[in-house]
Structure formats: C-alpha cells, structure tokens
Amino acid sequence: MTARYDSPMATLSPAARNGGAGHGDCLVLRDLTVAYGNRIVLKGVHADIRRGQVIGVIGPNGGGKSTLLKAILGIVPIVSGSATLFGRPTTAMRRHIAYVPQREAVEWDFPVTALDVVLMGRYPRAGWVRRPGRADREVALAMLDRVAMAEARTRQIGELSGGQQQRVFIARALAQEADVLLLDEPMNGIDAATQEVILDVIEEQRRAGRIVLLATHDLVSASCACDCLCCVNERMVSYGPVADTYTPETLAETYGGPVIMLGRSEGEQAHTHHQRGEHAHHTHVHENLGHEHD
C-alpha cells in the first residue's frame, strides 16, 4: 500500500481535533519533523496530549516510534515543527520528562548497583553537582520497592535478568518524579511478572495526572492500556482515541498491509483500566520483525 501524506489535522480523529486542552497544560506536538542528515525519518506529527493520558506509539520497525520519543526529549533534533510541554519547548523542560530507553541501548557492564542507577533519576531535580542526600536515597529506595526490586539494591546492574534490569530503569524514571514518562519498548524480552509491574506503573501514572507515551510492538497492550494511539510510519498516519484508531483500516495503513487484531471485543471502551493479572493470559500481537533501530 502506498502511504499518502495528508495535512497534520487531516490525520486526527474528530475527537482528537475537537477535544484538545489548553496548550499550557499539555504536551503539544505541531507538525513535528525529524531528519537524520538530509533524510527525513518522521514528519507531520500533530497532537495535544493532556495530563492523565497514556498514548501508545505504534508502527513498523524503522517507522519512527523511538525517533518520536527522542525528539520530544531533545536527543535528536527537530528540523521543523515544534514540541512544547506546558507552553515551553520540551528541550527546556528536560527535568520534567523521564525516559526509559530500549534495553539494547544500555551498557549493562557499567559497574553500578541497582540503587546507584535509581539515584541517577534524582539528578535532574537536585543538579549534577550536588550529591544525592538522604531524602533522595529514601525516594530511590521507595521506587525500588515499588517495582519489587528493593532486595536487589546492592547488586550490580549487569548481574540482573532482563526483566529485573527493566524494573530498575522504570524505578529510575519514577524517582525523577517527572510530569511526562517516555517508555521505549518496555515490554521487549521481559517476564510476565515484570510486564504486570510496568502496566500497574502506567496506570498509577495516569491516575496521578501524568502523561505517558508508550512506544510498543505489542498491539494488545497498546489497545488495552492506552487512551489514544499515535500511529506512525515515517509520518503520522493517525492520532486519536483507541476506539477510532485501533481499526483494521488504520492498522493496515500504518503497517502497509493487513494486521491480525486480537485482544479487544466489539463495543469495548477505548480504555480498559489495568488491574493486576488482567493481561496474564493475553495472546500478544507483535510485528515479529525484530527490534526497532530508527
């Protein structure tokens, strides 16, 4: 299928076009375009994301999921358009944005303990010059306990399993106490128990009024855990409530062909609040194309 490029507003569902909050109270993306050198890798991303919303970012490998999160964080440059948080450029709001990268991007041999890693989440609040104090340590320990990793606090990060490592990085993001949480493929290569922890954390962040962007290959988790989907394939194909975007037509356009849809029954609400154990027996839908490196 040949992907068409419409104007950014044309790709939004009616609910997304008409339901935007005031720009001073949300994450606003306006015709965001990213290029590596002379090659445009993502264009036309347009969305108003309000406090308390979980946004699933879905699309094929190399389609721009990771690139979108990195552009919001300022890791890769925005060549046109804009990304603002609470009315200011996101590059000036880094302290308010916590990021969990893909596990493949982390150097796990670095000689630090799990607690050391989580304490790194306190630096954006305290500054990189000041050493973490007692209060910072208490927050870090509480976040490790939240992801059931308190007993592993003195273990070297490279000694932990993949799921345990992911929990530690989730704890680091939580320790930052940020307004926005960016999760890049957090479900890859983890055990079911860790997935439950992550889904619980996402729901807690929603209830706390924070913004969560979840880049994922897992369409079942995206359709059940998210309020809206941002569908990308080198451009924004569609953005809006799950009920409007988790459709055979939109997914076919996003992935360039038919996609098997599982996990949502007809008439199901756009968002199903996650509860522990709810996803334990899901048949997960992945692209089956390996990891994303965009």
C-alpha atoms as a PDB file:
ATOM      1  CA  MET A   1       0.000   0.000   0.000  1.00  0.00           C
ATOM      2  CA  THR A   2       1.328   3.448  -0.900  1.00  0.00           C
ATOM      3  CA  ALA A   3       1.109   5.733   2.108  1.00  0.00           C
ATOM      4  CA  ARG A   4      -0.389   9.128   1.430  1.00  0.00           C
ATOM      5  CA  TYR A   5       0.694  12.275   3.249  1.00  0.00           C
ATOM      6  CA  ASP A   6      -2.202  14.422   4.367  1.00  0.00           C
ATOM      7  CA  SER A   7      -2.066  17.634   6.328  1.00  0.00           C
ATOM      8  CA  PRO A   8      -1.471  17.001  10.067  1.00  0.00           C
ATOM      9  CA  MET A   9      -5.017  17.952  11.069  1.00  0.00           C
ATOM     10  CA  ALA A  10      -6.467  15.597   8.461  1.00  0.00           C
ATOM     11  CA  THR A  11      -4.833  12.634  10.210  1.00  0.00           C
ATOM     12  CA  LEU A  12      -6.533  13.367  13.534  1.00  0.00           C
ATOM     13  CA  SER A  13      -9.786  11.734  14.523  1.00  0.00           C
ATOM     14  CA  PRO A  14     -12.735  14.117  15.085  1.00  0.00           C
ATOM     15  CA  ALA A  15     -12.472  13.589  18.846  1.00  0.00           C
ATOM     16  CA  ALA A  16      -8.769  14.451  18.806  1.00  0.00           C
ATOM     17  CA  ARG A  17      -9.322  17.539  16.649  1.00  0.00           C
ATOM     18  CA  ASN A  18     -12.040  18.928  18.870  1.00  0.00           C
ATOM     19  CA  GLY A  19     -11.001  17.767  22.341  1.00  0.00           C
ATOM     20  CA  GLY A  20      -7.625  19.493  22.798  1.00  0.00           C
ATOM     21  CA  ALA A  21      -6.845  21.040  26.145  1.00  0.00           C
ATOM     22  CA  GLY A  22      -5.234  24.410  26.697  1.00  0.00           C
ATOM     23  CA  HIS A  23      -1.683  24.340  25.420  1.00  0.00           C
ATOM     24  CA  GLY A  24      -0.295  25.445  28.758  1.00  0.00           C
ATOM     25  CA  ASP A  25      -1.491  22.246  30.400  1.00  0.00           C
ATOM     26  CA  CYS A  26      -0.381  19.562  27.944  1.00  0.00           C
ATOM     27  CA  LEU A  27       2.293  18.166  25.669  1.00  0.00           C
ATOM     28  CA  VAL A  28       1.723  19.741  22.253  1.00  0.00           C
ATOM     29  CA  LEU A  29       3.240  18.422  19.021  1.00  0.00           C
ATOM     30  CA  ARG A  30       2.802  20.609  15.956  1.00  0.00           C
ATOM     31  CA  ASP A  31       3.781  19.202  12.553  1.00  0.00           C
ATOM     32  CA  LEU A  32       6.903  17.742  14.173  1.00  0.00           C
ATOM     33  CA  THR A  33       9.511  16.635  11.623  1.00  0.00           C
ATOM     34  CA  VAL A  34      12.820  14.860  12.307  1.00  0.00           C
ATOM     35  CA  ALA A  35      15.667  14.186   9.884  1.00  0.00           C
ATOM     36  CA  TYR A  36      18.977  12.374  10.104  1.00  0.00           C
ATOM     37  CA  GLY A  37      21.211  14.396   7.831  1.00  0.00           C
ATOM     38  CA  ASN A  38      19.266  15.041   4.639  1.00  0.00           C
ATOM     39  CA  ARG A  39      16.868  12.129   5.190  1.00  0.00           C
ATOM     40  CA  ILE A  40      13.505  12.837   6.773  1.00  0.00           C
ATOM     41  CA  VAL A  41      12.647   9.919   9.061  1.00  0.00           C
ATOM     42  CA  LEU A  42       9.452  11.216  10.641  1.00  0.00           C
ATOM     43  CA  LYS A  43       7.097  14.027   9.648  1.00  0.00           C
ATOM     44  CA  GLY A  44       3.720  15.524  10.329  1.00  0.00           C
ATOM     45  CA  VAL A  45       3.260  14.517  13.976  1.00  0.00           C
ATOM     46  CA  HIS A  46       0.456  16.626  15.420  1.00  0.00           C
ATOM     47  CA  ALA A  47      -1.164  16.035  18.815  1.00  0.00           C
ATOM     48  CA  ASP A  48      -2.398  17.619  22.033  1.00  0.00           C
ATOM     49  CA  ILE A  49      -1.714  15.220  24.906  1.00  0.00           C
ATOM     50  CA  ARG A  50      -3.356  16.092  28.183  1.00  0.00           C
ATOM     51  CA  ARG A  51      -2.417  15.292  31.759  1.00  0.00           C
ATOM     52  CA  GLY A  52      -3.570  11.848  32.790  1.00  0.00           C
ATOM     53  CA  GLN A  53      -3.417  10.391  29.282  1.00  0.00           C
ATOM     54  CA  VAL A  54      -1.498   7.304  28.157  1.00  0.00           C
ATOM     55  CA  ILE A  55      -0.544   7.401  24.487  1.00  0.00           C
ATOM     56  CA  GLY A  56       0.514   4.279  22.620  1.00  0.00           C
ATOM     57  CA  VAL A  57       3.007   4.935  19.820  1.00  0.00           C
ATOM     58  CA  ILE A  58       2.740   2.102  17.298  1.00  0.00           C
ATOM     59  CA  GLY A  59       4.110   1.368  13.849  1.00  0.00           C
ATOM     60  CA  PRO A  60       6.554  -0.858  11.948  1.00  0.00           C
ATOM     61  CA  ASN A  61      10.264  -1.200  12.593  1.00  0.00           C
ATOM     62  CA  GLY A  62      12.055   1.942  11.465  1.00  0.00           C
ATOM     63  CA  GLY A  63       8.745   3.797  11.272  1.00  0.00           C
ATOM     64  CA  GLY A  64       9.728   6.434  13.821  1.00  0.00           C
ATOM     65  CA  LYS A  65       8.461   5.249  17.223  1.00  0.00           C
ATOM     66  CA  SER A  66      11.778   5.650  19.020  1.00  0.00           C
ATOM     67  CA  THR A  67      12.586   8.749  16.990  1.00  0.00           C
ATOM     68  CA  LEU A  68       9.424  10.461  18.231  1.00  0.00           C
ATOM     69  CA  LEU A  69      10.323   9.876  21.877  1.00  0.00           C
ATOM     70  CA  LYS A  70      13.891  11.029  21.330  1.00  0.00           C
ATOM     71  CA  ALA A  71      12.707  14.169  19.528  1.00  0.00           C
ATOM     72  CA  ILE A  72      10.439  15.068  22.441  1.00  0.00           C
ATOM     73  CA  LEU A  73      13.340  14.559  24.830  1.00  0.00           C
ATOM     74  CA  GLY A  74      15.744  16.525  22.598  1.00  0.00           C
ATOM     75  CA  ILE A  75      18.119  13.641  21.881  1.00  0.00           C
ATOM     76  CA  VAL A  76      17.537  14.066  18.141  1.00  0.00           C
ATOM     77  CA  PRO A  77      16.876  17.476  16.548  1.00  0.00           C
ATOM     78  CA  ILE A  78      13.500  18.662  15.330  1.00  0.00           C
ATOM     79  CA  VAL A  79      14.100  20.177  11.893  1.00  0.00           C
ATOM     80  CA  SER A  80      10.645  21.735  11.596  1.00  0.00           C
ATOM     81  CA  GLY A  81       7.506  21.979  13.655  1.00  0.00           C
ATOM     82  CA  SER A  82       7.618  22.014  17.444  1.00  0.00           C
ATOM     83  CA  ALA A  83       7.208  20.093  20.689  1.00  0.00           C
ATOM     84  CA  THR A  84       6.163  22.029  23.778  1.00  0.00           C
ATOM     85  CA  LEU A  85       5.348  20.995  27.330  1.00  0.00           C
ATOM     86  CA  PHE A  86       3.190  23.311  29.432  1.00  0.00           C
ATOM     87  CA  GLY A  87       3.805  26.073  26.896  1.00  0.00           C
ATOM     88  CA  ARG A  88       7.615  25.797  26.726  1.00  0.00           C
ATOM     89  CA  PRO A  89       9.876  23.902  24.295  1.00  0.00           C
ATOM     90  CA  THR A  90      10.443  20.363  25.556  1.00  0.00           C
ATOM     91  CA  THR A  91      14.213  20.902  25.292  1.00  0.00           C
ATOM     92  CA  ALA A  92      13.846  23.458  28.091  1.00  0.00           C
ATOM     93  CA  MET A  93      11.724  21.055  30.151  1.00  0.00           C
ATOM     94  CA  ARG A  94      14.047  18.054  30.370  1.00  0.00           C
ATOM     95  CA  ARG A  95      13.733  17.916  34.166  1.00  0.00           C
ATOM     96  CA  HIS A  96      10.024  17.277  33.725  1.00  0.00           C
ATOM     97  CA  ILE A  97      10.478  14.377  31.279  1.00  0.00           C
ATOM     98  CA  ALA A  98      11.675  10.904  32.332  1.00  0.00           C
ATOM     99  CA  TYR A  99      12.876   8.450  29.703  1.00  0.00           C
ATOM    100  CA  VAL A 100      13.294   4.677  29.727  1.00  0.00           C
ATOM    101  CA  PRO A 101      15.330   3.641  26.649  1.00  0.00           C
ATOM    102  CA  GLN A 102      15.270   0.298  24.912  1.00  0.00           C
ATOM    103  CA  ARG A 103      17.316  -2.249  26.842  1.00  0.00           C
ATOM    104  CA  GLU A 104      19.536  -2.824  23.796  1.00  0.00           C
ATOM    105  CA  ALA A 105      20.760   0.778  24.063  1.00  0.00           C
ATOM    106  CA  VAL A 106      22.094   0.399  27.632  1.00  0.00           C
ATOM    107  CA  GLU A 107      25.656  -0.540  28.620  1.00  0.00           C
ATOM    108  CA  TRP A 108      24.884  -3.133  31.257  1.00  0.00           C
ATOM    109  CA  ASP A 109      28.529  -3.804  32.177  1.00  0.00           C
ATOM    110  CA  PHE A 110      28.907  -0.399  33.822  1.00  0.00           C
ATOM    111  CA  PRO A 111      29.940  -1.027  37.467  1.00  0.00           C
ATOM    112  CA  VAL A 112      26.947   0.433  39.308  1.00  0.00           C
ATOM    113  CA  THR A 113      24.398  -1.095  41.638  1.00  0.00           C
ATOM    114  CA  ALA A 114      20.652  -1.062  41.152  1.00  0.00           C
ATOM    115  CA  LEU A 115      20.368   1.665  43.796  1.00  0.00           C
ATOM    116  CA  ASP A 116      23.045   3.751  42.050  1.00  0.00           C
ATOM    117  CA  VAL A 117      21.021   3.589  38.831  1.00  0.00           C
ATOM    118  CA  VAL A 118      17.799   4.685  40.511  1.00  0.00           C
ATOM    119  CA  LEU A 119      19.602   7.535  42.288  1.00  0.00           C
ATOM    120  CA  MET A 120      20.530   8.873  38.825  1.00  0.00           C
ATOM    121  CA  GLY A 121      16.868   9.720  38.465  1.00  0.00           C
ATOM    122  CA  ARG A 122      17.261  12.303  41.230  1.00  0.00           C
ATOM    123  CA  TYR A 123      19.992  14.309  39.467  1.00  0.00           C
ATOM    124  CA  PRO A 124      17.641  16.293  37.177  1.00  0.00           C
ATOM    125  CA  ARG A 125      15.888  17.589  40.299  1.00  0.00           C
ATOM    126  CA  ALA A 126      18.939  18.130  42.516  1.00  0.00           C
ATOM    127  CA  GLY A 127      21.527  19.053  39.886  1.00  0.00           C
ATOM    128  CA  TRP A 128      24.544  17.092  38.743  1.00  0.00           C
ATOM    129  CA  VAL A 129      26.939  18.911  41.092  1.00  0.00           C
ATOM    130  CA  ARG A 130      25.239  18.065  44.376  1.00  0.00           C
ATOM    131  CA  ARG A 131      25.486  14.523  45.632  1.00  0.00           C
ATOM    132  CA  PRO A 132      22.151  12.808  46.392  1.00  0.00           C
ATOM    133  CA  GLY A 133      21.143  13.307  50.007  1.00  0.00           C
ATOM    134  CA  ARG A 134      19.154  11.251  52.491  1.00  0.00           C
ATOM    135  CA  ALA A 135      15.824  12.356  51.040  1.00  0.00           C
ATOM    136  CA  ASP A 136      16.946  11.358  47.535  1.00  0.00           C
ATOM    137  CA  ARG A 137      18.067   7.966  48.814  1.00  0.00           C
ATOM    138  CA  GLU A 138      14.709   7.428  50.516  1.00  0.00           C
ATOM    139  CA  VAL A 139      12.875   8.201  47.277  1.00  0.00           C
ATOM    140  CA  ALA A 140      15.146   5.847  45.326  1.00  0.00           C
ATOM    141  CA  LEU A 141      14.609   3.021  47.813  1.00  0.00           C
ATOM    142  CA  ALA A 142      10.862   3.591  47.727  1.00  0.00           C
ATOM    143  CA  MET A 143      10.848   3.361  43.934  1.00  0.00           C
ATOM    144  CA  LEU A 144      12.896   0.154  44.013  1.00  0.00           C
ATOM    145  CA  ASP A 145      10.385  -1.250  46.473  1.00  0.00           C
ATOM    146  CA  ARG A 146       7.551  -0.137  44.178  1.00  0.00           C
ATOM    147  CA  VAL A 147       8.914  -2.360  41.374  1.00  0.00           C
ATOM    148  CA  ALA A 148       9.722  -5.225  43.786  1.00  0.00           C
ATOM    149  CA  MET A 149      13.496  -4.750  43.497  1.00  0.00           C
ATOM    150  CA  ALA A 150      14.386  -3.457  46.967  1.00  0.00           C
ATOM    151  CA  GLU A 151      16.211  -6.671  47.899  1.00  0.00           C
ATOM    152  CA  ALA A 152      18.433  -6.313  44.816  1.00  0.00           C
ATOM    153  CA  ARG A 153      19.514  -2.739  45.575  1.00  0.00           C
ATOM    154  CA  THR A 154      23.180  -3.655  46.155  1.00  0.00           C
ATOM    155  CA  ARG A 155      23.520  -5.942  43.128  1.00  0.00           C
ATOM    156  CA  GLN A 156      25.477  -4.829  40.067  1.00  0.00           C
ATOM    157  CA  ILE A 157      23.088  -3.931  37.273  1.00  0.00           C
ATOM    158  CA  GLY A 158      24.720  -6.357  34.818  1.00  0.00           C
ATOM    159  CA  GLU A 159      24.042  -9.299  37.143  1.00  0.00           C
ATOM    160  CA  LEU A 160      20.283  -8.861  36.927  1.00  0.00           C
ATOM    161  CA  SER A 161      17.936 -10.567  34.499  1.00  0.00           C
ATOM    162  CA  GLY A 162      16.407  -8.626  31.631  1.00  0.00           C
ATOM    163  CA  GLY A 163      13.144  -8.151  33.471  1.00  0.00           C
ATOM    164  CA  GLN A 164      14.929  -7.031  36.636  1.00  0.00           C
ATOM    165  CA  GLN A 165      17.022  -4.538  34.677  1.00  0.00           C
ATOM    166  CA  GLN A 166      13.890  -3.099  33.135  1.00  0.00           C
ATOM    167  CA  ARG A 167      12.310  -2.733  36.573  1.00  0.00           C
ATOM    168  CA  VAL A 168      15.356  -0.813  37.795  1.00  0.00           C
ATOM    169  CA  PHE A 169      15.140   1.581  34.865  1.00  0.00           C
ATOM    170  CA  ILE A 170      11.422   2.065  35.485  1.00  0.00           C
ATOM    171  CA  ALA A 171      12.305   2.848  39.118  1.00  0.00           C
ATOM    172  CA  ARG A 172      14.918   5.373  37.947  1.00  0.00           C
ATOM    173  CA  ALA A 173      12.272   7.133  35.833  1.00  0.00           C
ATOM    174  CA  LEU A 174       9.816   7.150  38.751  1.00  0.00           C
ATOM    175  CA  ALA A 175      12.470   8.583  41.072  1.00  0.00           C
ATOM    176  CA  GLN A 176      12.714  11.623  38.804  1.00  0.00           C
ATOM    177  CA  GLU A 177       9.103  12.493  39.730  1.00  0.00           C
ATOM    178  CA  ALA A 178       8.582  13.905  36.253  1.00  0.00           C
ATOM    179  CA  ASP A 179       5.378  15.084  34.600  1.00  0.00           C
ATOM    180  CA  VAL A 180       5.969  13.017  31.444  1.00  0.00           C
ATOM    181  CA  LEU A 181       7.135   9.403  31.191  1.00  0.00           C
ATOM    182  CA  LEU A 182       8.544   8.160  27.862  1.00  0.00           C
ATOM    183  CA  LEU A 183       8.778   4.357  27.614  1.00  0.00           C
ATOM    184  CA  ASP A 184      10.594   2.909  24.599  1.00  0.00           C
ATOM    185  CA  GLU A 185       9.618  -0.747  24.056  1.00  0.00           C
ATOM    186  CA  PRO A 186       9.495  -1.581  27.783  1.00  0.00           C
ATOM    187  CA  MET A 187       7.814  -4.957  27.159  1.00  0.00           C
ATOM    188  CA  ASN A 188      10.593  -6.411  24.982  1.00  0.00           C
ATOM    189  CA  GLY A 189      12.276  -9.520  26.391  1.00  0.00           C
ATOM    190  CA  ILE A 190      10.738  -9.442  29.853  1.00  0.00           C
ATOM    191  CA  ASP A 191       8.877 -11.924  32.015  1.00  0.00           C
ATOM    192  CA  ALA A 192       5.132 -11.814  32.703  1.00  0.00           C
ATOM    193  CA  ALA A 193       5.611 -10.571  36.265  1.00  0.00           C
ATOM    194  CA  THR A 194       7.657  -7.591  35.079  1.00  0.00           C
ATOM    195  CA  GLN A 195       5.036  -6.805  32.453  1.00  0.00           C
ATOM    196  CA  GLU A 196       2.418  -6.689  35.210  1.00  0.00           C
ATOM    197  CA  VAL A 197       4.598  -4.302  37.211  1.00  0.00           C
ATOM    198  CA  ILE A 198       5.026  -1.999  34.207  1.00  0.00           C
ATOM    199  CA  LEU A 199       1.321  -1.981  33.375  1.00  0.00           C
ATOM    200  CA  ASP A 200       0.487  -1.198  37.008  1.00  0.00           C
ATOM    201  CA  VAL A 201       3.004   1.658  36.996  1.00  0.00           C
ATOM    202  CA  ILE A 202       1.483   3.072  33.809  1.00  0.00           C
ATOM    203  CA  GLU A 203      -1.986   3.033  35.378  1.00  0.00           C
ATOM    204  CA  GLU A 204      -0.658   4.705  38.536  1.00  0.00           C
ATOM    205  CA  GLN A 205       0.947   7.447  36.450  1.00  0.00           C
ATOM    206  CA  ARG A 206      -2.350   8.019  34.677  1.00  0.00           C
ATOM    207  CA  ARG A 207      -4.227   8.334  37.963  1.00  0.00           C
ATOM    208  CA  ALA A 208      -1.577  10.754  39.242  1.00  0.00           C
ATOM    209  CA  GLY A 209      -2.306  13.038  36.274  1.00  0.00           C
ATOM    210  CA  ARG A 210       0.950  12.430  34.442  1.00  0.00           C
ATOM    211  CA  ILE A 211       1.465  11.933  30.709  1.00  0.00           C
ATOM    212  CA  VAL A 212       2.793   8.571  29.473  1.00  0.00           C
ATOM    213  CA  LEU A 213       3.995   7.789  25.947  1.00  0.00           C
ATOM    214  CA  LEU A 214       4.415   4.060  25.365  1.00  0.00           C
ATOM    215  CA  ALA A 215       6.248   3.013  22.190  1.00  0.00           C
ATOM    216  CA  THR A 216       5.465  -0.640  21.645  1.00  0.00           C
ATOM    217  CA  HIS A 217       5.153  -3.519  19.196  1.00  0.00           C
ATOM    218  CA  ASP A 218       2.544  -5.129  21.452  1.00  0.00           C
ATOM    219  CA  LEU A 219      -0.772  -4.091  19.936  1.00  0.00           C
ATOM    220  CA  VAL A 220      -2.819  -5.857  22.619  1.00  0.00           C
ATOM    221  CA  SER A 221      -1.166  -3.927  25.453  1.00  0.00           C
ATOM    222  CA  ALA A 222      -1.394  -0.709  23.440  1.00  0.00           C
ATOM    223  CA  SER A 223      -5.098  -1.163  22.750  1.00  0.00           C
ATOM    224  CA  CYS A 224      -5.939  -2.076  26.347  1.00  0.00           C
ATOM    225  CA  ALA A 225      -3.590   0.157  28.368  1.00  0.00           C
ATOM    226  CA  CYS A 226      -3.742   3.374  26.327  1.00  0.00           C
ATOM    227  CA  ASP A 227      -6.259   6.169  25.900  1.00  0.00           C
ATOM    228  CA  CYS A 228      -5.063   7.182  22.428  1.00  0.00           C
ATOM    229  CA  LEU A 229      -2.843   5.714  19.723  1.00  0.00           C
ATOM    230  CA  CYS A 230      -0.299   7.617  17.657  1.00  0.00           C
ATOM    231  CA  CYS A 231       0.233   5.542  14.519  1.00  0.00           C
ATOM    232  CA  VAL A 232       3.479   6.313  12.686  1.00  0.00           C
ATOM    233  CA  ASN A 233       5.261   5.039   9.612  1.00  0.00           C
ATOM    234  CA  GLU A 234       7.778   7.737   8.720  1.00  0.00           C
ATOM    235  CA  ARG A 235       4.833  10.116   9.104  1.00  0.00           C
ATOM    236  CA  MET A 236       1.868  10.293  11.423  1.00  0.00           C
ATOM    237  CA  VAL A 237      -0.786   8.069   9.888  1.00  0.00           C
ATOM    238  CA  SER A 238      -3.392   8.739  12.577  1.00  0.00           C
ATOM    239  CA  TYR A 239      -3.820  10.017  16.113  1.00  0.00           C
ATOM    240  CA  GLY A 240      -6.866   9.700  18.341  1.00  0.00           C
ATOM    241  CA  PRO A 241      -8.789   7.599  20.878  1.00  0.00           C
ATOM    242  CA  VAL A 242      -8.215   3.855  20.709  1.00  0.00           C
ATOM    243  CA  ALA A 243     -11.789   3.251  19.554  1.00  0.00           C
ATOM    244  CA  ASP A 244     -11.103   5.417  16.477  1.00  0.00           C
ATOM    245  CA  THR A 245      -7.563   4.258  15.678  1.00  0.00           C
ATOM    246  CA  TYR A 246      -7.407   0.560  16.608  1.00  0.00           C
ATOM    247  CA  THR A 247      -9.206  -0.445  13.420  1.00  0.00           C
ATOM    248  CA  PRO A 248      -8.265  -2.768  10.547  1.00  0.00           C
ATOM    249  CA  GLU A 249      -8.131   0.172   8.136  1.00  0.00           C
ATOM    250  CA  THR A 250      -5.832   2.338  10.241  1.00  0.00           C
ATOM    251  CA  LEU A 251      -3.529  -0.547  11.192  1.00  0.00           C
ATOM    252  CA  ALA A 252      -3.292  -1.675   7.546  1.00  0.00           C
ATOM    253  CA  GLU A 253      -2.271   1.825   6.509  1.00  0.00           C
ATOM    254  CA  THR A 254       0.214   2.058   9.374  1.00  0.00           C
ATOM    255  CA  TYR A 255       1.890  -1.291   8.730  1.00  0.00           C
ATOM    256  CA  GLY A 256       1.485  -1.383   4.950  1.00  0.00           C
ATOM    257  CA  GLY A 257      -0.799  -4.421   4.914  1.00  0.00           C
ATOM    258  CA  PRO A 258      -3.370  -6.415   6.885  1.00  0.00           C
ATOM    259  CA  VAL A 259      -2.748  -6.869  10.611  1.00  0.00           C
ATOM    260  CA  ILE A 260      -4.317  -9.580  12.773  1.00  0.00           C
ATOM    261  CA  MET A 261      -6.148  -7.881  15.624  1.00  0.00           C
ATOM    262  CA  LEU A 262      -6.583  -9.605  18.976  1.00  0.00           C
ATOM    263  CA  GLY A 263      -7.441  -8.506  22.472  1.00  0.00           C
ATOM    264  CA  ARG A 264     -10.413  -6.147  22.036  1.00  0.00           C
ATOM    265  CA  SER A 265     -14.031  -7.167  21.702  1.00  0.00           C
ATOM    266  CA  GLU A 266     -16.589  -5.252  19.673  1.00  0.00           C
ATOM    267  CA  GLY A 267     -18.059  -2.390  21.657  1.00  0.00           C
ATOM    268  CA  GLU A 268     -15.253  -2.378  24.214  1.00  0.00           C
ATOM    269  CA  GLN A 269     -14.478   1.039  25.647  1.00  0.00           C
ATOM    270  CA  ALA A 270     -11.489   2.920  24.331  1.00  0.00           C
ATOM    271  CA  HIS A 271      -9.583   2.268  27.525  1.00  0.00           C
ATOM    272  CA  THR A 272      -9.765  -0.638  29.946  1.00  0.00           C
ATOM    273  CA  HIS A 273      -8.210   0.148  33.331  1.00  0.00           C
ATOM    274  CA  HIS A 274      -5.452  -2.312  34.042  1.00  0.00           C
ATOM    275  CA  GLN A 275      -5.594  -4.485  37.111  1.00  0.00           C
ATOM    276  CA  ARG A 276      -3.022  -6.967  38.317  1.00  0.00           C
ATOM    277  CA  GLY A 277      -3.378 -10.262  36.488  1.00  0.00           C
ATOM    278  CA  GLU A 278      -5.599  -8.814  33.782  1.00  0.00           C
ATOM    279  CA  HIS A 279      -3.101  -9.438  30.979  1.00  0.00           C
ATOM    280  CA  ALA A 280      -1.589 -12.662  32.268  1.00  0.00           C
ATOM    281  CA  HIS A 281      -3.101 -14.818  29.533  1.00  0.00           C
ATOM    282  CA  HIS A 282      -3.204 -12.409  26.622  1.00  0.00           C
ATOM    283  CA  THR A 283      -2.012 -13.615  23.251  1.00  0.00           C
ATOM    284  CA  HIS A 284       0.328 -10.762  22.414  1.00  0.00           C
ATOM    285  CA  VAL A 285       0.485  -9.358  18.899  1.00  0.00           C
ATOM    286  CA  HIS A 286       3.926  -8.274  17.781  1.00  0.00           C
ATOM    287  CA  GLU A 287       5.213  -7.297  14.371  1.00  0.00           C
ATOM    288  CA  ASN A 288       7.629 -10.219  14.500  1.00  0.00           C
ATOM    289  CA  LEU A 289      10.261  -8.166  12.717  1.00  0.00           C
ATOM    290  CA  GLY A 290      12.826  -7.856  15.458  1.00  0.00           C
ATOM    291  CA  HIS A 291      13.860  -4.682  17.268  1.00  0.00           C
ATOM    292  CA  GLU A 292      13.497  -1.123  16.147  1.00  0.00           C
ATOM    293  CA  HIS A 293      16.590   0.974  15.474  1.00  0.00           C
ATOM    294  CA  ASP A 294      15.148   4.140  13.981  1.00  0.00           C
END
